[in-house]
Each structure stands twice: as C-alpha cells, then as structure tokens.
Amino acid sequence: MKFTQHIDPNINLIRHYQPGLVEVNKQKLNKSCIVTQNTLQTDWPITHINELSDNHLQVLLDLKPEVLILGTGETQVFPPAALFGFCARQGVSLEVMNNAAACRTYNVLTTEQREVVVGLIIGKD
C-alpha cells in the first residue's frame, strides 16, 4: 500500500506499508519501530502484542504525544485494559489499530501538524 506525498519534506513520512515491512522516508524496516514527525527509532524490542508492557508504552509516552497510535500487526489486537489505564493516567489516549490503518492515520495526523507517535509491531503475528 503506497501513501501520498507530505507537504513538509522534513517530516518523517510513512511512504509504504506491506505485511512485515514499513518504509519511512527512504528507509525500509522489517522490525518493530517508533515513528514521530522528527524521530525514527528502529530498535523497539517487541515482536508481538502479548509482549507489550507499560515499559514499552513509556518509551512512546516519553516522546510527548498528543495522539498515541499502536499498530498491532496485520490484525487489530487490543492489549490488556491495564495498559489503556497506564496511558490514560498520563493524559494520553491509546489508539489501537492494525499496521496499515496505523500508518495511514499517522500520515493524516502529521498533515494536521498534530504531535503523533506511532509504535508499529512488526514480527510474529
């Protein structure tokens, strides 16, 4: 799935997504990552939603998102309710969707100049 061009060339843009691969700007990644408008972390150590903990989410929250998106792989899988509560206590809503939807949503929100963080789980489904 290809995505459209972003107006600001200095912003991290998810240019392409397919199962097991995401392209951010011109960098192709086949493992879990974190993307913000100005940051790309290619070493997010999670390969399945069942591994997700508050420590993994804290890394995302430390980036001070207005909107926090979690891409859970090829299918939307909700994490335990306690993790939603963990984010809510820090004043941020956790939005959960499959990776394709997470990538599209991230790109749309960046065009609105929203402070968005997306964590994409790429690995075992």
N, C-alpha and C. Protein backbone atom coordinates (compact mmCIF):
# COMPACT_ATOMS: atom_id res chain seq x y z
N MET A 1 0.84 -1.16 0.00
CA MET A 1 0.00 0.00 0.00
C MET A 1 0.89 1.23 0.00
N LYS A 2 0.75 2.08 -1.01
CA LYS A 2 1.51 3.32 -1.10
C LYS A 2 0.71 4.46 -0.49
N PHE A 3 1.44 5.47 -0.02
CA PHE A 3 0.80 6.62 0.60
C PHE A 3 1.17 7.88 -0.17
N THR A 4 0.45 8.96 0.11
CA THR A 4 0.64 10.20 -0.62
C THR A 4 1.80 11.02 -0.07
N GLN A 5 2.23 11.98 -0.85
CA GLN A 5 3.32 12.87 -0.51
C GLN A 5 2.91 13.82 0.61
N HIS A 6 3.80 14.06 1.55
CA HIS A 6 3.56 15.00 2.63
C HIS A 6 4.01 16.38 2.17
N ILE A 7 3.38 17.41 2.66
CA ILE A 7 3.70 18.77 2.26
C ILE A 7 5.08 19.18 2.75
N ASP A 8 5.46 18.83 3.96
CA ASP A 8 6.74 19.21 4.55
C ASP A 8 7.75 18.07 4.38
N PRO A 9 8.80 18.27 3.59
CA PRO A 9 9.77 17.20 3.34
C PRO A 9 10.65 16.87 4.55
N ASN A 10 10.61 17.67 5.59
CA ASN A 10 11.42 17.43 6.78
C ASN A 10 10.73 16.53 7.79
N ILE A 11 9.49 16.19 7.55
CA ILE A 11 8.71 15.36 8.47
C ILE A 11 8.85 13.90 8.07
N ASN A 12 9.00 13.03 9.07
CA ASN A 12 9.02 11.59 8.79
C ASN A 12 7.67 11.19 8.22
N LEU A 13 7.71 10.56 7.07
CA LEU A 13 6.51 10.13 6.38
C LEU A 13 6.58 8.63 6.15
N ILE A 14 5.51 7.95 6.41
CA ILE A 14 5.43 6.53 6.10
C ILE A 14 5.01 6.44 4.64
N ARG A 15 5.94 6.05 3.80
CA ARG A 15 5.73 6.05 2.36
C ARG A 15 5.11 4.77 1.84
N HIS A 16 5.32 3.67 2.56
CA HIS A 16 4.82 2.39 2.07
C HIS A 16 4.69 1.43 3.25
N TYR A 17 3.65 0.63 3.19
CA TYR A 17 3.49 -0.44 4.18
C TYR A 17 3.01 -1.69 3.46
N GLN A 18 3.57 -2.80 3.85
CA GLN A 18 3.07 -4.11 3.45
C GLN A 18 3.37 -5.03 4.61
N PRO A 19 2.72 -6.16 4.70
CA PRO A 19 2.97 -7.07 5.83
C PRO A 19 4.46 -7.35 6.01
N GLY A 20 4.95 -7.05 7.20
CA GLY A 20 6.35 -7.31 7.54
C GLY A 20 7.34 -6.25 7.11
N LEU A 21 6.88 -5.15 6.51
CA LEU A 21 7.80 -4.13 6.02
C LEU A 21 7.13 -2.76 6.04
N VAL A 22 7.85 -1.78 6.56
CA VAL A 22 7.38 -0.40 6.53
C VAL A 22 8.52 0.46 5.99
N GLU A 23 8.17 1.43 5.15
CA GLU A 23 9.17 2.35 4.61
C GLU A 23 8.90 3.74 5.16
N VAL A 24 9.85 4.26 5.92
CA VAL A 24 9.76 5.60 6.50
C VAL A 24 10.78 6.45 5.76
N ASN A 25 10.28 7.47 5.09
CA ASN A 25 11.10 8.24 4.15
C ASN A 25 11.69 7.26 3.15
N LYS A 26 12.99 7.06 3.14
CA LYS A 26 13.58 6.10 2.19
C LYS A 26 14.18 4.90 2.90
N GLN A 27 13.88 4.76 4.19
CA GLN A 27 14.43 3.66 4.99
C GLN A 27 13.40 2.54 5.12
N LYS A 28 13.78 1.35 4.68
CA LYS A 28 12.90 0.19 4.77
C LYS A 28 13.21 -0.58 6.05
N LEU A 29 12.15 -0.88 6.82
CA LEU A 29 12.31 -1.54 8.11
C LEU A 29 11.47 -2.81 8.14
N ASN A 30 12.06 -3.88 8.65
CA ASN A 30 11.31 -5.14 8.77
C ASN A 30 11.22 -5.59 10.21
N LYS A 31 11.32 -4.62 11.13
CA LYS A 31 11.14 -4.92 12.54
C LYS A 31 10.39 -3.76 13.20
N SER A 32 9.94 -4.00 14.39
CA SER A 32 9.12 -3.02 15.11
C SER A 32 9.85 -1.70 15.25
N CYS A 33 9.09 -0.61 15.16
CA CYS A 33 9.71 0.71 15.19
C CYS A 33 8.74 1.73 15.79
N ILE A 34 9.30 2.89 16.07
CA ILE A 34 8.54 4.02 16.59
C ILE A 34 8.80 5.19 15.65
N VAL A 35 7.72 5.85 15.23
CA VAL A 35 7.84 6.97 14.30
C VAL A 35 7.12 8.19 14.87
N THR A 36 7.82 9.32 14.84
CA THR A 36 7.21 10.61 15.11
C THR A 36 7.57 11.51 13.94
N GLN A 37 7.09 12.72 13.96
CA GLN A 37 7.42 13.65 12.87
C GLN A 37 8.92 13.86 12.74
N ASN A 38 9.65 13.83 13.86
CA ASN A 38 11.07 14.15 13.84
C ASN A 38 11.99 13.03 14.33
N THR A 39 11.41 11.90 14.70
CA THR A 39 12.18 10.81 15.29
C THR A 39 11.83 9.49 14.63
N LEU A 40 12.84 8.66 14.42
CA LEU A 40 12.62 7.30 13.95
C LEU A 40 13.48 6.39 14.81
N GLN A 41 12.82 5.54 15.60
CA GLN A 41 13.53 4.57 16.44
C GLN A 41 13.30 3.20 15.84
N THR A 42 14.37 2.59 15.38
CA THR A 42 14.26 1.32 14.66
C THR A 42 14.52 0.11 15.54
N ASP A 43 14.61 0.32 16.83
CA ASP A 43 15.00 -0.78 17.73
C ASP A 43 13.98 -1.02 18.84
N TRP A 44 12.70 -0.83 18.56
CA TRP A 44 11.67 -1.08 19.57
C TRP A 44 11.57 -2.58 19.77
N PRO A 45 11.93 -3.10 20.93
CA PRO A 45 12.12 -4.55 21.12
C PRO A 45 10.83 -5.32 21.42
N ILE A 46 9.89 -5.27 20.51
CA ILE A 46 8.65 -6.00 20.69
C ILE A 46 8.28 -6.63 19.34
N THR A 47 7.89 -7.90 19.37
CA THR A 47 7.53 -8.58 18.12
C THR A 47 6.10 -9.11 18.13
N HIS A 48 5.42 -8.98 19.26
CA HIS A 48 4.03 -9.47 19.35
C HIS A 48 3.31 -8.68 20.43
N ILE A 49 2.03 -8.46 20.24
CA ILE A 49 1.22 -7.68 21.18
C ILE A 49 1.27 -8.27 22.59
N ASN A 50 1.43 -9.58 22.70
CA ASN A 50 1.48 -10.21 24.02
C ASN A 50 2.72 -9.82 24.82
N GLU A 51 3.73 -9.28 24.16
CA GLU A 51 4.94 -8.83 24.85
C GLU A 51 4.82 -7.41 25.38
N LEU A 52 3.79 -6.69 24.97
CA LEU A 52 3.65 -5.28 25.29
C LEU A 52 3.49 -5.07 26.79
N SER A 53 4.27 -4.15 27.33
CA SER A 53 4.20 -3.82 28.76
C SER A 53 4.15 -2.30 28.91
N ASP A 54 3.95 -1.86 30.15
CA ASP A 54 3.96 -0.42 30.39
C ASP A 54 5.33 0.17 30.08
N ASN A 55 6.40 -0.59 30.22
CA ASN A 55 7.74 -0.08 29.87
C ASN A 55 7.83 0.22 28.38
N HIS A 56 7.25 -0.64 27.54
CA HIS A 56 7.24 -0.38 26.10
C HIS A 56 6.44 0.87 25.78
N LEU A 57 5.30 1.02 26.43
CA LEU A 57 4.47 2.20 26.20
C LEU A 57 5.12 3.47 26.74
N GLN A 58 5.88 3.34 27.83
CA GLN A 58 6.53 4.52 28.40
C GLN A 58 7.51 5.14 27.41
N VAL A 59 8.18 4.30 26.63
CA VAL A 59 9.08 4.82 25.59
C VAL A 59 8.32 5.70 24.61
N LEU A 60 7.11 5.30 24.26
CA LEU A 60 6.26 6.10 23.38
C LEU A 60 5.78 7.37 24.07
N LEU A 61 5.36 7.23 25.31
CA LEU A 61 4.85 8.38 26.06
C LEU A 61 5.93 9.41 26.35
N ASP A 62 7.17 8.96 26.49
CA ASP A 62 8.28 9.90 26.72
C ASP A 62 8.48 10.86 25.55
N LEU A 63 7.94 10.51 24.39
CA LEU A 63 8.05 11.38 23.21
C LEU A 63 6.97 12.46 23.20
N LYS A 64 6.17 12.52 24.25
CA LYS A 64 5.15 13.57 24.48
C LYS A 64 4.11 13.66 23.36
N PRO A 65 3.43 12.55 23.07
CA PRO A 65 2.43 12.62 22.00
C PRO A 65 1.14 13.29 22.44
N GLU A 66 0.52 13.92 21.48
CA GLU A 66 -0.85 14.38 21.63
C GLU A 66 -1.77 13.20 21.31
N VAL A 67 -1.34 12.40 20.33
CA VAL A 67 -2.05 11.20 19.92
C VAL A 67 -1.05 10.04 19.90
N LEU A 68 -1.41 8.94 20.54
CA LEU A 68 -0.56 7.75 20.58
C LEU A 68 -1.26 6.62 19.84
N ILE A 69 -0.60 6.12 18.79
CA ILE A 69 -1.17 5.05 17.97
C ILE A 69 -0.31 3.80 18.14
N LEU A 70 -0.98 2.69 18.34
CA LEU A 70 -0.30 1.41 18.41
C LEU A 70 -0.77 0.55 17.24
N GLY A 71 0.16 0.20 16.37
CA GLY A 71 -0.13 -0.72 15.27
C GLY A 71 0.22 -2.12 15.73
N THR A 72 -0.75 -3.03 15.70
CA THR A 72 -0.58 -4.35 16.32
C THR A 72 -0.29 -5.47 15.33
N GLY A 73 0.14 -5.13 14.13
CA GLY A 73 0.42 -6.16 13.13
C GLY A 73 -0.65 -6.15 12.06
N GLU A 74 -0.87 -7.29 11.46
CA GLU A 74 -1.81 -7.38 10.35
C GLU A 74 -3.26 -7.35 10.81
N THR A 75 -3.50 -7.65 12.06
CA THR A 75 -4.85 -7.58 12.61
C THR A 75 -4.85 -6.68 13.83
N GLN A 76 -5.98 -6.08 14.09
CA GLN A 76 -6.14 -5.25 15.28
C GLN A 76 -6.33 -6.18 16.48
N VAL A 77 -5.43 -6.06 17.44
CA VAL A 77 -5.50 -6.86 18.66
C VAL A 77 -5.34 -5.90 19.84
N PHE A 78 -6.30 -5.92 20.73
CA PHE A 78 -6.25 -4.99 21.86
C PHE A 78 -5.37 -5.53 22.97
N PRO A 79 -4.53 -4.67 23.54
CA PRO A 79 -3.72 -5.07 24.69
C PRO A 79 -4.60 -5.13 25.94
N PRO A 80 -4.06 -5.62 27.04
CA PRO A 80 -4.83 -5.66 28.29
C PRO A 80 -5.31 -4.26 28.70
N ALA A 81 -6.45 -4.23 29.35
CA ALA A 81 -7.06 -2.96 29.78
C ALA A 81 -6.13 -2.15 30.67
N ALA A 82 -5.28 -2.81 31.43
CA ALA A 82 -4.36 -2.10 32.32
C ALA A 82 -3.43 -1.17 31.54
N LEU A 83 -3.09 -1.53 30.31
CA LEU A 83 -2.21 -0.68 29.51
C LEU A 83 -2.94 0.56 29.01
N PHE A 84 -4.25 0.44 28.74
CA PHE A 84 -5.03 1.63 28.40
C PHE A 84 -5.06 2.57 29.61
N GLY A 85 -5.25 1.99 30.79
CA GLY A 85 -5.25 2.79 32.02
C GLY A 85 -3.93 3.46 32.27
N PHE A 86 -2.84 2.75 32.01
CA PHE A 86 -1.49 3.32 32.18
C PHE A 86 -1.34 4.58 31.34
N CYS A 87 -1.78 4.52 30.08
CA CYS A 87 -1.68 5.70 29.21
C CYS A 87 -2.63 6.81 29.68
N ALA A 88 -3.83 6.43 30.04
CA ALA A 88 -4.82 7.43 30.48
C ALA A 88 -4.34 8.18 31.71
N ARG A 89 -3.69 7.49 32.63
CA ARG A 89 -3.16 8.17 33.83
C ARG A 89 -2.10 9.20 33.47
N GLN A 90 -1.51 9.07 32.30
CA GLN A 90 -0.51 10.05 31.85
C GLN A 90 -1.14 11.08 30.89
N GLY A 91 -2.47 11.02 30.78
CA GLY A 91 -3.19 12.02 30.00
C GLY A 91 -3.19 11.79 28.50
N VAL A 92 -2.89 10.57 28.07
CA VAL A 92 -2.84 10.27 26.63
C VAL A 92 -3.72 9.07 26.34
N SER A 93 -4.53 9.19 25.32
CA SER A 93 -5.37 8.08 24.89
C SER A 93 -4.58 7.16 23.97
N LEU A 94 -4.72 5.87 24.17
CA LEU A 94 -4.06 4.87 23.34
C LEU A 94 -5.02 4.41 22.25
N GLU A 95 -4.66 4.67 21.00
CA GLU A 95 -5.47 4.26 19.85
C GLU A 95 -4.83 3.01 19.26
N VAL A 96 -5.60 1.94 19.13
CA VAL A 96 -5.08 0.65 18.67
C VAL A 96 -5.71 0.29 17.33
N MET A 97 -4.88 -0.10 16.38
CA MET A 97 -5.37 -0.49 15.06
C MET A 97 -4.36 -1.39 14.38
N ASN A 98 -4.74 -1.99 13.26
CA ASN A 98 -3.76 -2.79 12.53
C ASN A 98 -2.71 -1.85 11.92
N ASN A 99 -1.61 -2.41 11.47
CA ASN A 99 -0.50 -1.56 10.99
C ASN A 99 -0.86 -0.70 9.79
N ALA A 100 -1.63 -1.25 8.85
CA ALA A 100 -1.99 -0.46 7.67
C ALA A 100 -2.79 0.78 8.09
N ALA A 101 -3.77 0.61 8.96
CA ALA A 101 -4.57 1.74 9.44
C ALA A 101 -3.72 2.69 10.28
N ALA A 102 -2.81 2.15 11.08
CA ALA A 102 -1.94 2.99 11.91
C ALA A 102 -1.06 3.88 11.04
N CYS A 103 -0.53 3.32 9.96
CA CYS A 103 0.32 4.10 9.05
C CYS A 103 -0.47 5.21 8.38
N ARG A 104 -1.66 4.89 7.88
CA ARG A 104 -2.50 5.90 7.24
C ARG A 104 -2.87 7.01 8.23
N THR A 105 -3.27 6.61 9.43
CA THR A 105 -3.68 7.59 10.44
C THR A 105 -2.53 8.49 10.84
N TYR A 106 -1.35 7.90 11.03
CA TYR A 106 -0.15 8.69 11.34
C TYR A 106 0.06 9.77 10.27
N ASN A 107 0.05 9.37 9.00
CA ASN A 107 0.30 10.33 7.92
C ASN A 107 -0.73 11.45 7.91
N VAL A 108 -1.99 11.11 8.10
CA VAL A 108 -3.04 12.13 8.11
C VAL A 108 -2.84 13.10 9.26
N LEU A 109 -2.55 12.58 10.44
CA LEU A 109 -2.39 13.46 11.61
C LEU A 109 -1.17 14.36 11.48
N THR A 110 -0.11 13.90 10.82
CA THR A 110 1.05 14.78 10.63
C THR A 110 0.72 15.94 9.70
N THR A 111 -0.16 15.72 8.72
CA THR A 111 -0.54 16.83 7.85
C THR A 111 -1.34 17.87 8.60
N GLU A 112 -1.96 17.45 9.71
CA GLU A 112 -2.70 18.39 10.57
C GLU A 112 -1.79 19.00 11.64
N GLN A 113 -0.48 18.70 11.54
CA GLN A 113 0.53 19.19 12.48
C GLN A 113 0.23 18.78 13.92
N ARG A 114 -0.29 17.57 14.08
CA ARG A 114 -0.56 17.02 15.40
C ARG A 114 0.69 16.30 15.89
N GLU A 115 0.95 16.33 17.17
CA GLU A 115 2.08 15.61 17.76
C GLU A 115 1.66 14.16 17.92
N VAL A 116 2.00 13.35 16.94
CA VAL A 116 1.58 11.96 16.91
C VAL A 116 2.79 11.05 17.02
N VAL A 117 2.61 9.98 17.77
CA VAL A 117 3.62 8.92 17.89
C VAL A 117 2.93 7.62 17.50
N VAL A 118 3.60 6.86 16.62
CA VAL A 118 3.08 5.55 16.26
C VAL A 118 4.13 4.50 16.57
N GLY A 119 3.69 3.48 17.27
CA GLY A 119 4.53 2.30 17.51
C GLY A 119 3.97 1.17 16.66
N LEU A 120 4.80 0.65 15.76
CA LEU A 120 4.36 -0.42 14.87
C LEU A 120 5.01 -1.73 15.29
N ILE A 121 4.19 -2.73 15.58
CA ILE A 121 4.69 -4.05 15.92
C ILE A 121 4.81 -4.84 14.63
N ILE A 122 6.03 -5.19 14.28
CA ILE A 122 6.30 -5.96 13.09
C ILE A 122 7.04 -7.21 13.53
N GLY A 123 6.49 -8.33 13.27
CA GLY A 123 7.12 -9.57 13.70
C GLY A 123 6.14 -10.70 13.62
N LYS A 124 6.18 -11.55 14.62
CA LYS A 124 5.27 -12.69 14.67
C LYS A 124 3.84 -12.18 14.84
N ASP A 125 2.92 -12.75 14.11
CA ASP A 125 1.51 -12.38 14.30
C ASP A 125 0.80 -13.37 15.16
